[in-house]
Amino acid sequence: MSDYLRQQVEARAKAWEEAKSMLDAAAAEKRDLSAEENQKYDRIMQDIDARAATIDSIKAVQYRDWE
């Protein structure tokens, strides 16, 4: 796995843990996310989606190179 791909995978995992902890904290307090938390959650999810697309693209290129 290339260093760049590894960095993307690690960053996506870190972002997911941050989003998950926000949801878990709100659930533990038996409340919905605040407006500010919702905005932050949405930004994190956009980052996760973008990184997932980058990861898929890199993997596709690597697969083509292996053929």
Protein backbone atom coordinates (compact mmCIF):
# COMPACT_ATOMS: atom_id res chain seq x y z
CA MET A 1 0.00 0.00 0.00
CA SER A 2 1.41 3.38 -0.95
CA ASP A 3 2.12 5.93 1.76
CA TYR A 4 -0.49 8.28 0.33
CA LEU A 5 -3.14 5.57 0.28
CA ARG A 6 -2.28 4.57 3.85
CA GLN A 7 -2.58 8.22 4.94
CA GLN A 8 -5.99 8.49 3.31
CA VAL A 9 -7.20 5.28 4.96
CA GLU A 10 -5.93 6.41 8.36
CA ALA A 11 -7.46 9.88 7.99
CA ARG A 12 -10.81 8.39 6.98
CA ALA A 13 -10.74 6.06 10.00
CA LYS A 14 -9.84 8.94 12.32
CA ALA A 15 -12.67 11.07 10.91
CA TRP A 16 -15.12 8.19 11.35
CA GLU A 17 -14.07 7.77 14.99
CA GLU A 18 -14.63 11.48 15.58
CA ALA A 19 -18.10 11.35 14.00
CA LYS A 20 -18.97 8.19 15.90
CA SER A 21 -17.89 9.70 19.22
CA MET A 22 -20.15 12.71 18.59
CA LEU A 23 -23.12 10.39 17.97
CA ASP A 24 -22.27 8.23 20.97
CA ALA A 25 -21.99 11.26 23.26
CA ALA A 26 -25.36 12.60 22.15
CA ALA A 27 -26.95 9.16 22.52
CA ALA A 28 -25.50 8.77 26.01
CA GLU A 29 -27.03 12.10 26.95
CA LYS A 30 -30.32 11.05 25.29
CA ARG A 31 -30.39 14.04 23.00
CA ASP A 32 -30.08 14.96 19.35
CA LEU A 33 -27.02 16.64 17.96
CA SER A 34 -27.04 20.42 18.37
CA ALA A 35 -27.09 22.60 15.26
CA GLU A 36 -23.34 23.17 15.61
CA GLU A 37 -22.70 19.45 16.11
CA ASN A 38 -24.86 18.66 13.06
CA GLN A 39 -22.77 21.03 10.94
CA LYS A 40 -19.55 19.49 12.19
CA TYR A 41 -20.93 15.97 11.64
CA ASP A 42 -21.93 16.87 8.07
CA ARG A 43 -18.44 18.27 7.36
CA ILE A 44 -16.83 15.12 8.74
CA MET A 45 -19.08 12.91 6.63
CA GLN A 46 -18.24 14.94 3.51
CA ASP A 47 -14.55 14.47 4.32
CA ILE A 48 -15.10 10.72 4.77
CA ASP A 49 -16.93 10.51 1.44
CA ALA A 50 -14.19 12.45 -0.35
CA ARG A 51 -11.46 10.28 1.15
CA ALA A 52 -13.40 7.12 0.25
CA ALA A 53 -13.60 8.29 -3.36
CA THR A 54 -9.86 9.04 -3.37
CA ILE A 55 -9.10 5.63 -1.87
CA ASP A 56 -11.27 3.88 -4.46
CA SER A 57 -9.59 5.81 -7.26
CA ILE A 58 -6.10 4.95 -6.04
CA LYS A 59 -7.03 1.29 -5.66
CA ALA A 60 -8.46 1.23 -9.19
CA VAL A 61 -5.25 2.70 -10.60
CA GLN A 62 -3.15 0.21 -8.65
CA TYR A 63 -5.33 -2.67 -9.89
CA ARG A 64 -4.90 -1.52 -13.50
CA ASP A 65 -1.14 -1.29 -12.97
CA TRP A 66 -1.03 -4.85 -11.65
CA GLU A 67 -2.73 -6.27 -14.72
